[in-house]
Amino acid sequence: MTDDEERPGWTYLMDMDGVLVHEDKLVPGADSLVAELRENGTPFMVITIEE
């Protein structure tokens, strides 16, 4: 990266289970968080472990 290139800002990596959803229900505020990340153009990735 050169000095005149913009450094990336924050990037979020979230586990879906317990962070965005719990069992069959949306965690309170999760939809607002994802909407805010999208509106701000903040990169994020959602992961989960399939059992």
N, C-alpha and C. Protein backbone atom coordinates (compact mmCIF):
# COMPACT_ATOMS: atom_id res chain seq x y z
N MET A 1 0.85 -1.17 0.00
CA MET A 1 0.00 0.00 0.00
C MET A 1 0.89 1.24 0.00
N THR A 2 0.58 2.15 -0.88
CA THR A 2 1.35 3.38 -0.94
C THR A 2 0.75 4.41 0.00
N ASP A 3 1.50 5.48 0.25
CA ASP A 3 1.04 6.52 1.16
C ASP A 3 -0.23 7.23 0.68
N ASP A 4 -0.43 7.31 -0.66
CA ASP A 4 -1.59 8.03 -1.16
C ASP A 4 -2.83 7.15 -1.27
N GLU A 5 -2.71 5.86 -1.00
CA GLU A 5 -3.87 4.98 -0.98
C GLU A 5 -4.55 5.03 0.39
N GLU A 6 -5.86 5.00 0.36
CA GLU A 6 -6.61 5.04 1.61
C GLU A 6 -6.55 3.68 2.30
N ARG A 7 -6.26 3.69 3.57
CA ARG A 7 -6.24 2.45 4.34
C ARG A 7 -7.67 1.99 4.60
N PRO A 8 -7.90 0.68 4.58
CA PRO A 8 -9.26 0.21 4.86
C PRO A 8 -9.66 0.53 6.30
N GLY A 9 -10.94 0.78 6.49
CA GLY A 9 -11.47 1.03 7.83
C GLY A 9 -11.81 -0.28 8.51
N TRP A 10 -12.81 -0.26 9.31
CA TRP A 10 -13.23 -1.44 10.04
C TRP A 10 -13.84 -2.48 9.12
N THR A 11 -13.65 -3.73 9.46
CA THR A 11 -14.32 -4.86 8.83
C THR A 11 -14.81 -5.74 9.95
N TYR A 12 -16.02 -6.27 9.84
CA TYR A 12 -16.61 -7.08 10.90
C TYR A 12 -16.77 -8.52 10.45
N LEU A 13 -16.44 -9.43 11.32
CA LEU A 13 -16.66 -10.86 11.13
C LEU A 13 -17.53 -11.29 12.30
N MET A 14 -18.75 -11.77 12.01
CA MET A 14 -19.72 -12.09 13.06
C MET A 14 -20.16 -13.54 12.95
N ASP A 15 -20.29 -14.18 14.09
CA ASP A 15 -20.88 -15.51 14.14
C ASP A 15 -22.39 -15.32 14.18
N MET A 16 -23.10 -16.01 13.31
CA MET A 16 -24.54 -15.82 13.22
C MET A 16 -25.26 -16.29 14.49
N ASP A 17 -24.92 -17.47 14.99
CA ASP A 17 -25.63 -18.05 16.13
C ASP A 17 -25.23 -17.35 17.42
N GLY A 18 -26.19 -16.68 18.02
CA GLY A 18 -25.95 -15.98 19.28
C GLY A 18 -25.59 -14.52 19.10
N VAL A 19 -25.23 -14.13 17.90
CA VAL A 19 -24.90 -12.72 17.63
C VAL A 19 -26.03 -12.06 16.84
N LEU A 20 -26.47 -12.75 15.78
CA LEU A 20 -27.56 -12.22 14.96
C LEU A 20 -28.87 -12.95 15.22
N VAL A 21 -28.80 -14.25 15.46
CA VAL A 21 -30.00 -15.03 15.76
C VAL A 21 -29.71 -15.95 16.94
N HIS A 22 -30.77 -16.27 17.66
CA HIS A 22 -30.68 -17.25 18.75
C HIS A 22 -31.86 -18.19 18.56
N GLU A 23 -31.54 -19.46 18.29
CA GLU A 23 -32.56 -20.45 17.94
C GLU A 23 -33.31 -19.93 16.73
N ASP A 24 -34.61 -19.70 16.82
CA ASP A 24 -35.39 -19.22 15.68
C ASP A 24 -35.68 -17.73 15.73
N LYS A 25 -35.06 -17.02 16.65
CA LYS A 25 -35.40 -15.60 16.85
C LYS A 25 -34.22 -14.68 16.57
N LEU A 26 -34.55 -13.53 15.99
CA LEU A 26 -33.56 -12.50 15.73
C LEU A 26 -33.12 -11.87 17.05
N VAL A 27 -31.83 -11.72 17.25
CA VAL A 27 -31.32 -11.06 18.46
C VAL A 27 -31.70 -9.58 18.37
N PRO A 28 -32.23 -8.99 19.44
CA PRO A 28 -32.62 -7.58 19.40
C PRO A 28 -31.45 -6.68 18.95
N GLY A 29 -31.74 -5.85 17.96
CA GLY A 29 -30.74 -4.92 17.45
C GLY A 29 -29.90 -5.46 16.30
N ALA A 30 -29.99 -6.75 16.03
CA ALA A 30 -29.17 -7.35 14.96
C ALA A 30 -29.52 -6.77 13.60
N ASP A 31 -30.81 -6.58 13.34
CA ASP A 31 -31.22 -6.01 12.06
C ASP A 31 -30.73 -4.58 11.90
N SER A 32 -30.73 -3.82 12.99
CA SER A 32 -30.23 -2.44 12.94
C SER A 32 -28.73 -2.41 12.69
N LEU A 33 -28.00 -3.35 13.31
CA LEU A 33 -26.56 -3.41 13.10
C LEU A 33 -26.23 -3.69 11.63
N VAL A 34 -26.88 -4.69 11.06
CA VAL A 34 -26.62 -5.03 9.66
C VAL A 34 -27.01 -3.89 8.74
N ALA A 35 -28.15 -3.24 9.02
CA ALA A 35 -28.57 -2.11 8.21
C ALA A 35 -27.56 -0.96 8.27
N GLU A 36 -27.05 -0.68 9.45
CA GLU A 36 -26.06 0.39 9.61
C GLU A 36 -24.76 0.05 8.88
N LEU A 37 -24.32 -1.18 8.98
CA LEU A 37 -23.10 -1.59 8.26
C LEU A 37 -23.30 -1.41 6.75
N ARG A 38 -24.45 -1.82 6.25
CA ARG A 38 -24.73 -1.67 4.81
C ARG A 38 -24.80 -0.21 4.40
N GLU A 39 -25.51 0.60 5.18
CA GLU A 39 -25.65 2.03 4.86
C GLU A 39 -24.30 2.73 4.81
N ASN A 40 -23.40 2.34 5.71
CA ASN A 40 -22.08 2.97 5.77
C ASN A 40 -21.07 2.35 4.83
N GLY A 41 -21.47 1.28 4.13
CA GLY A 41 -20.55 0.61 3.22
C GLY A 41 -19.44 -0.13 3.96
N THR A 42 -19.69 -0.49 5.21
CA THR A 42 -18.70 -1.20 6.01
C THR A 42 -18.73 -2.69 5.66
N PRO A 43 -17.59 -3.24 5.27
CA PRO A 43 -17.57 -4.66 4.92
C PRO A 43 -17.82 -5.53 6.15
N PHE A 44 -18.60 -6.60 5.93
CA PHE A 44 -18.81 -7.55 7.01
C PHE A 44 -19.06 -8.93 6.42
N MET A 45 -18.82 -9.93 7.23
CA MET A 45 -19.07 -11.31 6.84
C MET A 45 -19.71 -12.01 8.02
N VAL A 46 -20.69 -12.85 7.71
CA VAL A 46 -21.38 -13.64 8.73
C VAL A 46 -20.97 -15.09 8.54
N ILE A 47 -20.57 -15.72 9.64
CA ILE A 47 -20.18 -17.12 9.59
C ILE A 47 -21.03 -17.92 10.56
N THR A 48 -21.03 -19.22 10.39
CA THR A 48 -21.69 -20.11 11.34
C THR A 48 -21.04 -21.48 11.24
N ILE A 49 -21.22 -22.25 12.27
CA ILE A 49 -20.72 -23.61 12.29
C ILE A 49 -21.91 -24.54 12.15
N GLU A 50 -21.89 -25.33 11.12
CA GLU A 50 -22.99 -26.26 10.88
C GLU A 50 -22.68 -27.56 11.62
N GLU A 51 -23.59 -27.97 12.46
CA GLU A 51 -23.38 -29.20 13.22
C GLU A 51 -24.22 -30.32 12.68
